[in-house]
Amino acid sequence: MDVLCQIGLDGIRMLDPATSRTLRIYPLETITRCEVTDSSIFAFWSKSSVDIEPRRIRLQSNSYTTNTLLDTVTAATVQLKEMGGSSRPAESLKTNEQSAERKKGLTDWMNIIKPGNEEKDHWVPDEAVSKCTACGTDFGAFVRRHHCRNCGDIFCDKCTHGRIALTAEENAPQVRVCDRCMAEVTQRLSNAKEASGKPAALHSHEDLAKKLQAEMEKNRRESSGSKSDGSGRRMREVACPTCTVHLQVQVPSSGSETIECGVCQHPFLVSAH
């Protein structure tokens, strides 16, 4: 049957899609195990006080949703354990502040797991890869696929243990990246920090005007030539996110890479898509 699934500190809640009526709640403390099978099925086992053996419940959806369910249930379970387990009825009457803190804590976990406004256009499709891009480990029921948020390739958990913000913005979320991109993004952020710390006097209006003119002439020459080089890389016009100058750049045939603006020298990411 079709159901809507909600996950909170009270457990996994099944709702009727038509009426939003609660059909069943599986408390987190009764869930003994959960996993993703065949990339599109999220399965969990629940054992209540009346069950002799844990009961298996299976939910089928797309691979992104099932993996998100697994991450969210795992995070909620850890959050519940850190708070000392389930609340007794008497304890729930103490203060509203504790409830608010719990909701905030779960929200923080959700933000770590699924950052808002995450760009997925450059992600490699799950079905296109059967092995980890880095170590070659076969994916299966116990080895899940993980996308690097920087290059978009697919890796195992061991090869994407790094977490880093992709931009220098103050509230930029820490996201999952592969080991290779961890070094690249760290260097990129370091370069951006150094560039932002340089005195503004180093770039006078005259210097910027000369660089802009040179870059525009370069763009004209490149745009009048071939749109592809021998390696299959295409030329595309993109705007620098820092100085907004339009540049003709070579885009990678897959994934993404960092280039440097010819006018302001700030690095930024260009993806194949």
Protein backbone atom coordinates (compact mmCIF):
# COMPACT_ATOMS: atom_id res chain seq x y z
CA MET A 1 0.00 0.00 0.00
CA ASP A 2 1.05 3.61 -0.54
CA VAL A 3 2.04 5.48 2.62
CA LEU A 4 3.64 8.72 3.65
CA CYS A 5 6.59 8.26 6.00
CA GLN A 6 7.58 10.77 8.70
CA ILE A 7 10.59 10.34 10.97
CA GLY A 8 10.95 12.06 14.33
CA LEU A 9 12.10 11.39 17.86
CA ASP A 10 8.82 9.56 18.48
CA GLY A 11 9.70 7.04 15.77
CA ILE A 12 8.74 6.15 12.19
CA ARG A 13 5.19 7.29 11.51
CA MET A 14 3.10 5.87 8.61
CA LEU A 15 0.37 8.16 7.25
CA ASP A 16 -2.48 7.74 4.78
CA PRO A 17 -1.50 9.86 1.70
CA ALA A 18 -5.11 10.88 1.07
CA THR A 19 -6.17 11.90 4.59
CA SER A 20 -2.82 12.28 6.43
CA ARG A 21 -4.29 10.01 9.11
CA THR A 22 -1.70 8.15 11.19
CA LEU A 23 -1.80 4.44 10.34
CA ARG A 24 1.03 3.16 12.55
CA ILE A 25 3.95 4.42 14.64
CA TYR A 26 7.12 2.41 15.16
CA PRO A 27 8.97 3.93 18.18
CA LEU A 28 12.71 4.33 17.70
CA GLU A 29 13.53 2.27 20.76
CA THR A 30 11.74 -0.75 19.20
CA ILE A 31 13.77 -0.64 15.96
CA THR A 32 16.53 -3.24 16.11
CA ARG A 33 18.03 -2.88 12.64
CA CYS A 34 17.63 -0.97 9.37
CA GLU A 35 19.25 -1.16 5.95
CA VAL A 36 18.85 -0.34 2.25
CA THR A 37 18.52 -3.31 -0.12
CA ASP A 38 18.56 -3.24 -3.93
CA SER A 39 19.10 0.57 -3.69
CA SER A 40 15.32 1.20 -3.79
CA ILE A 41 14.05 -0.62 -0.67
CA PHE A 42 14.44 0.65 2.89
CA ALA A 43 13.90 -2.17 5.40
CA PHE A 44 13.76 -1.98 9.18
CA TRP A 45 13.02 -4.45 11.96
CA SER A 46 10.77 -3.52 14.88
CA LYS A 47 10.28 -5.58 18.04
CA SER A 48 7.59 -4.45 20.47
CA SER A 49 6.82 -5.95 23.87
CA VAL A 50 4.28 -8.34 22.34
CA ASP A 51 6.50 -9.55 19.49
CA ILE A 52 8.51 -12.76 19.88
CA GLU A 53 10.76 -11.93 16.94
CA PRO A 54 11.42 -8.54 15.28
CA ARG A 55 9.03 -7.78 12.44
CA ARG A 56 10.45 -6.61 9.10
CA ILE A 57 8.84 -3.61 7.38
CA ARG A 58 9.86 -2.68 3.84
CA LEU A 59 9.38 0.69 2.12
CA GLN A 60 10.04 1.06 -1.59
CA SER A 61 10.97 4.35 -3.29
CA ASN A 62 13.84 5.80 -5.35
CA SER A 63 17.44 5.28 -4.24
CA TYR A 64 17.89 8.86 -2.97
CA THR A 65 14.80 8.65 -0.75
CA THR A 66 15.70 5.24 0.68
CA ASN A 67 19.25 6.35 1.51
CA THR A 68 17.89 9.53 3.10
CA LEU A 69 15.50 7.44 5.20
CA LEU A 70 18.39 5.28 6.41
CA ASP A 71 20.52 8.32 7.30
CA THR A 72 17.62 10.07 9.06
CA VAL A 73 16.59 7.04 11.13
CA THR A 74 20.23 6.49 12.12
CA ALA A 75 20.62 10.12 13.13
CA ALA A 76 17.35 10.15 15.08
CA THR A 77 18.34 6.96 16.93
CA VAL A 78 21.72 8.43 17.91
CA GLN A 79 20.05 11.67 18.99
CA LEU A 80 17.57 9.75 21.14
CA LYS A 81 20.37 7.76 22.82
CA GLU A 82 22.31 10.95 23.56
CA MET A 83 19.23 12.33 25.31
CA GLY A 84 18.97 9.22 27.48
CA GLY A 85 16.36 7.19 25.61
CA SER A 86 12.59 7.59 25.42
CA SER A 87 10.71 9.95 27.71
CA ARG A 88 8.39 8.67 30.44
CA PRO A 89 4.90 10.28 30.59
CA ALA A 90 5.80 12.07 33.82
CA GLU A 91 9.01 13.41 32.35
CA SER A 92 7.16 14.93 29.38
CA LEU A 93 5.41 17.36 31.71
CA LYS A 94 8.63 18.97 33.01
CA THR A 95 9.30 21.90 30.66
CA ASN A 96 8.68 22.93 27.06
CA GLU A 97 12.33 23.97 26.76
CA GLN A 98 13.50 20.33 26.71
CA SER A 99 11.12 19.54 23.85
CA ALA A 100 12.32 22.56 21.89
CA GLU A 101 15.96 21.57 22.42
CA ARG A 102 15.24 18.03 21.19
CA LYS A 103 13.57 19.34 18.03
CA LYS A 104 16.47 21.70 17.45
CA GLY A 105 18.95 18.87 17.94
CA LEU A 106 17.20 16.67 15.37
CA THR A 107 17.03 19.62 12.95
CA ASP A 108 20.79 20.05 13.29
CA TRP A 109 21.27 16.36 12.46
CA MET A 110 18.99 16.72 9.43
CA ASN A 111 20.97 19.73 8.19
CA ILE A 112 24.19 17.73 8.41
CA ILE A 113 22.69 14.79 6.55
CA LYS A 114 20.83 16.73 3.86
CA PRO A 115 22.07 20.31 3.40
CA GLY A 116 19.51 22.72 1.97
CA ASN A 117 19.56 23.76 -1.69
CA GLU A 118 22.06 21.05 -2.55
CA GLU A 119 23.03 21.05 -6.23
CA LYS A 120 22.72 17.55 -7.73
CA ASP A 121 22.87 18.29 -11.46
CA HIS A 122 26.50 17.12 -11.69
CA TRP A 123 25.99 13.95 -9.64
CA VAL A 124 26.75 10.65 -11.36
CA PRO A 125 23.56 8.47 -11.39
CA ASP A 126 23.55 5.64 -8.85
CA GLU A 127 22.84 3.00 -11.47
CA ALA A 128 25.87 4.07 -13.56
CA VAL A 129 28.42 2.88 -10.98
CA SER A 130 28.84 -0.55 -9.38
CA LYS A 131 32.23 0.02 -7.68
CA CYS A 132 33.77 2.77 -5.55
CA THR A 133 35.51 5.29 -7.83
CA ALA A 134 38.52 5.45 -5.50
CA CYS A 135 39.19 1.98 -4.05
CA GLY A 136 37.14 -0.22 -6.41
CA THR A 137 35.07 -1.88 -3.67
CA ASP A 138 31.83 -3.45 -5.00
CA PHE A 139 28.64 -1.80 -3.80
CA GLY A 140 26.01 -3.99 -2.16
CA ALA A 141 23.72 -4.37 0.83
CA PHE A 142 26.51 -3.53 3.30
CA VAL A 143 28.56 -1.12 1.15
CA ARG A 144 26.43 1.88 0.20
CA ARG A 145 26.97 4.49 -2.49
CA HIS A 146 27.87 8.03 -1.43
CA HIS A 147 28.14 11.07 -3.70
CA CYS A 148 30.98 13.54 -3.29
CA ARG A 149 29.27 16.94 -3.14
CA ASN A 150 32.16 18.58 -4.97
CA CYS A 151 32.95 16.38 -7.99
CA GLY A 152 29.69 14.38 -8.05
CA ASP A 153 31.38 10.97 -8.37
CA ILE A 154 30.28 7.96 -6.31
CA PHE A 155 32.42 6.43 -3.54
CA CYS A 156 32.11 4.12 -0.56
CA ASP A 157 31.81 5.50 2.98
CA LYS A 158 35.53 5.01 3.76
CA CYS A 159 36.57 7.11 0.75
CA THR A 160 34.15 9.96 1.59
CA HIS A 161 34.72 10.36 5.32
CA GLY A 162 35.73 14.03 4.92
CA ARG A 163 33.31 16.87 5.72
CA ILE A 164 33.97 20.44 4.58
CA ALA A 165 32.11 23.57 3.43
CA LEU A 166 32.36 24.10 -0.34
CA THR A 167 32.29 27.90 -0.09
CA ALA A 168 33.80 30.48 2.21
CA GLU A 169 30.37 31.73 3.31
CA GLU A 170 29.93 31.99 7.07
CA ASN A 171 26.91 29.66 7.28
CA ALA A 172 27.96 27.24 4.52
CA PRO A 173 27.09 23.65 5.59
CA GLN A 174 29.71 20.94 6.06
CA VAL A 175 29.08 18.35 3.34
CA ARG A 176 30.47 14.95 2.36
CA VAL A 177 33.47 15.00 -0.03
CA CYS A 178 35.91 12.40 -1.32
CA ASP A 179 39.53 12.35 -0.19
CA ARG A 180 40.76 13.90 -3.45
CA CYS A 181 38.28 16.80 -3.32
CA MET A 182 38.99 17.34 0.38
CA ALA A 183 42.50 18.50 -0.53
CA GLU A 184 41.27 20.47 -3.54
CA VAL A 185 38.51 22.32 -1.67
CA THR A 186 40.83 23.04 1.27
CA GLN A 187 43.34 24.61 -1.11
CA ARG A 188 40.61 26.55 -2.91
CA LEU A 189 39.23 28.01 0.31
CA SER A 190 42.74 28.84 1.46
CA ASN A 191 43.44 30.70 -1.81
CA ALA A 192 40.15 32.56 -1.55
CA LYS A 193 40.93 33.56 2.04
CA GLU A 194 44.36 34.84 1.06
CA ALA A 195 42.95 36.76 -1.88
CA SER A 196 40.25 38.38 0.25
CA GLY A 197 42.89 39.42 2.80
CA LYS A 198 45.03 41.32 0.30
CA PRO A 199 44.80 45.15 0.33
CA ALA A 200 42.34 46.51 -2.21
CA ALA A 201 45.00 48.98 -3.42
CA LEU A 202 46.82 46.16 -5.16
CA HIS A 203 44.11 46.18 -7.84
CA SER A 204 43.59 49.72 -9.10
CA HIS A 205 40.82 50.62 -11.54
CA GLU A 206 43.42 50.89 -14.30
CA ASP A 207 44.80 47.41 -13.59
CA LEU A 208 41.33 45.87 -13.56
CA ALA A 209 40.41 47.67 -16.79
CA LYS A 210 43.53 46.30 -18.53
CA LYS A 211 42.82 42.77 -17.27
CA LEU A 212 39.19 43.02 -18.35
CA GLN A 213 40.16 44.20 -21.83
CA ALA A 214 42.74 41.41 -22.19
CA GLU A 215 40.22 38.81 -21.01
CA MET A 216 37.57 40.06 -23.45
CA GLU A 217 40.05 39.86 -26.36
CA LYS A 218 40.99 36.35 -25.29
CA ASN A 219 37.32 35.39 -25.15
CA ARG A 220 36.73 36.72 -28.67
CA ARG A 221 39.64 34.69 -30.06
CA GLU A 222 38.51 31.52 -28.30
CA SER A 223 34.85 31.93 -29.23
CA SER A 224 35.75 32.43 -32.92
CA GLY A 225 37.79 29.20 -32.89
CA SER A 226 36.79 25.64 -32.23
CA LYS A 227 34.24 24.84 -29.51
CA SER A 228 36.14 21.71 -28.51
CA ASP A 229 39.76 20.69 -28.13
CA GLY A 230 41.33 17.32 -28.90
CA SER A 231 40.43 15.84 -25.51
CA GLY A 232 36.71 16.34 -26.07
CA ARG A 233 36.46 19.27 -23.62
CA ARG A 234 33.92 21.89 -24.67
CA MET A 235 34.15 25.68 -24.52
CA ARG A 236 31.38 27.44 -22.62
CA GLU A 237 30.68 30.99 -21.50
CA VAL A 238 30.35 31.33 -17.74
CA ALA A 239 30.17 34.32 -15.40
CA CYS A 240 32.71 34.65 -12.60
CA PRO A 241 30.71 34.62 -9.32
CA THR A 242 33.06 37.24 -7.83
CA CYS A 243 33.53 39.95 -10.49
CA THR A 244 30.65 38.79 -12.82
CA VAL A 245 32.85 39.02 -15.94
CA HIS A 246 31.82 36.53 -18.63
CA LEU A 247 34.62 34.13 -19.56
CA GLN A 248 35.11 31.47 -22.24
CA VAL A 249 36.32 28.41 -20.33
CA GLN A 250 36.95 24.74 -21.06
CA VAL A 251 34.48 22.56 -19.19
CA PRO A 252 35.44 19.02 -18.14
CA SER A 253 33.87 16.08 -19.95
CA SER A 254 32.63 14.74 -16.58
CA GLY A 255 32.53 15.80 -12.94
CA SER A 256 33.81 19.29 -12.12
CA GLU A 257 37.04 21.22 -11.67
CA THR A 258 38.26 24.52 -10.26
CA ILE A 259 39.39 27.33 -12.59
CA GLU A 260 40.75 30.80 -11.85
CA CYS A 261 39.15 33.99 -13.17
CA GLY A 262 41.51 35.83 -15.52
CA VAL A 263 40.37 39.20 -14.17
CA CYS A 264 40.05 38.97 -10.38
CA GLN A 265 42.07 35.73 -9.93
CA HIS A 266 39.39 34.23 -7.68
CA PRO A 267 38.91 30.45 -8.13
CA PHE A 268 35.47 29.00 -8.79
CA LEU A 269 33.97 25.60 -9.70
CA VAL A 270 32.89 24.63 -13.24
CA SER A 271 30.97 21.39 -13.79
CA ALA A 272 30.39 19.34 -16.94
CA HIS A 273 26.67 20.07 -16.73
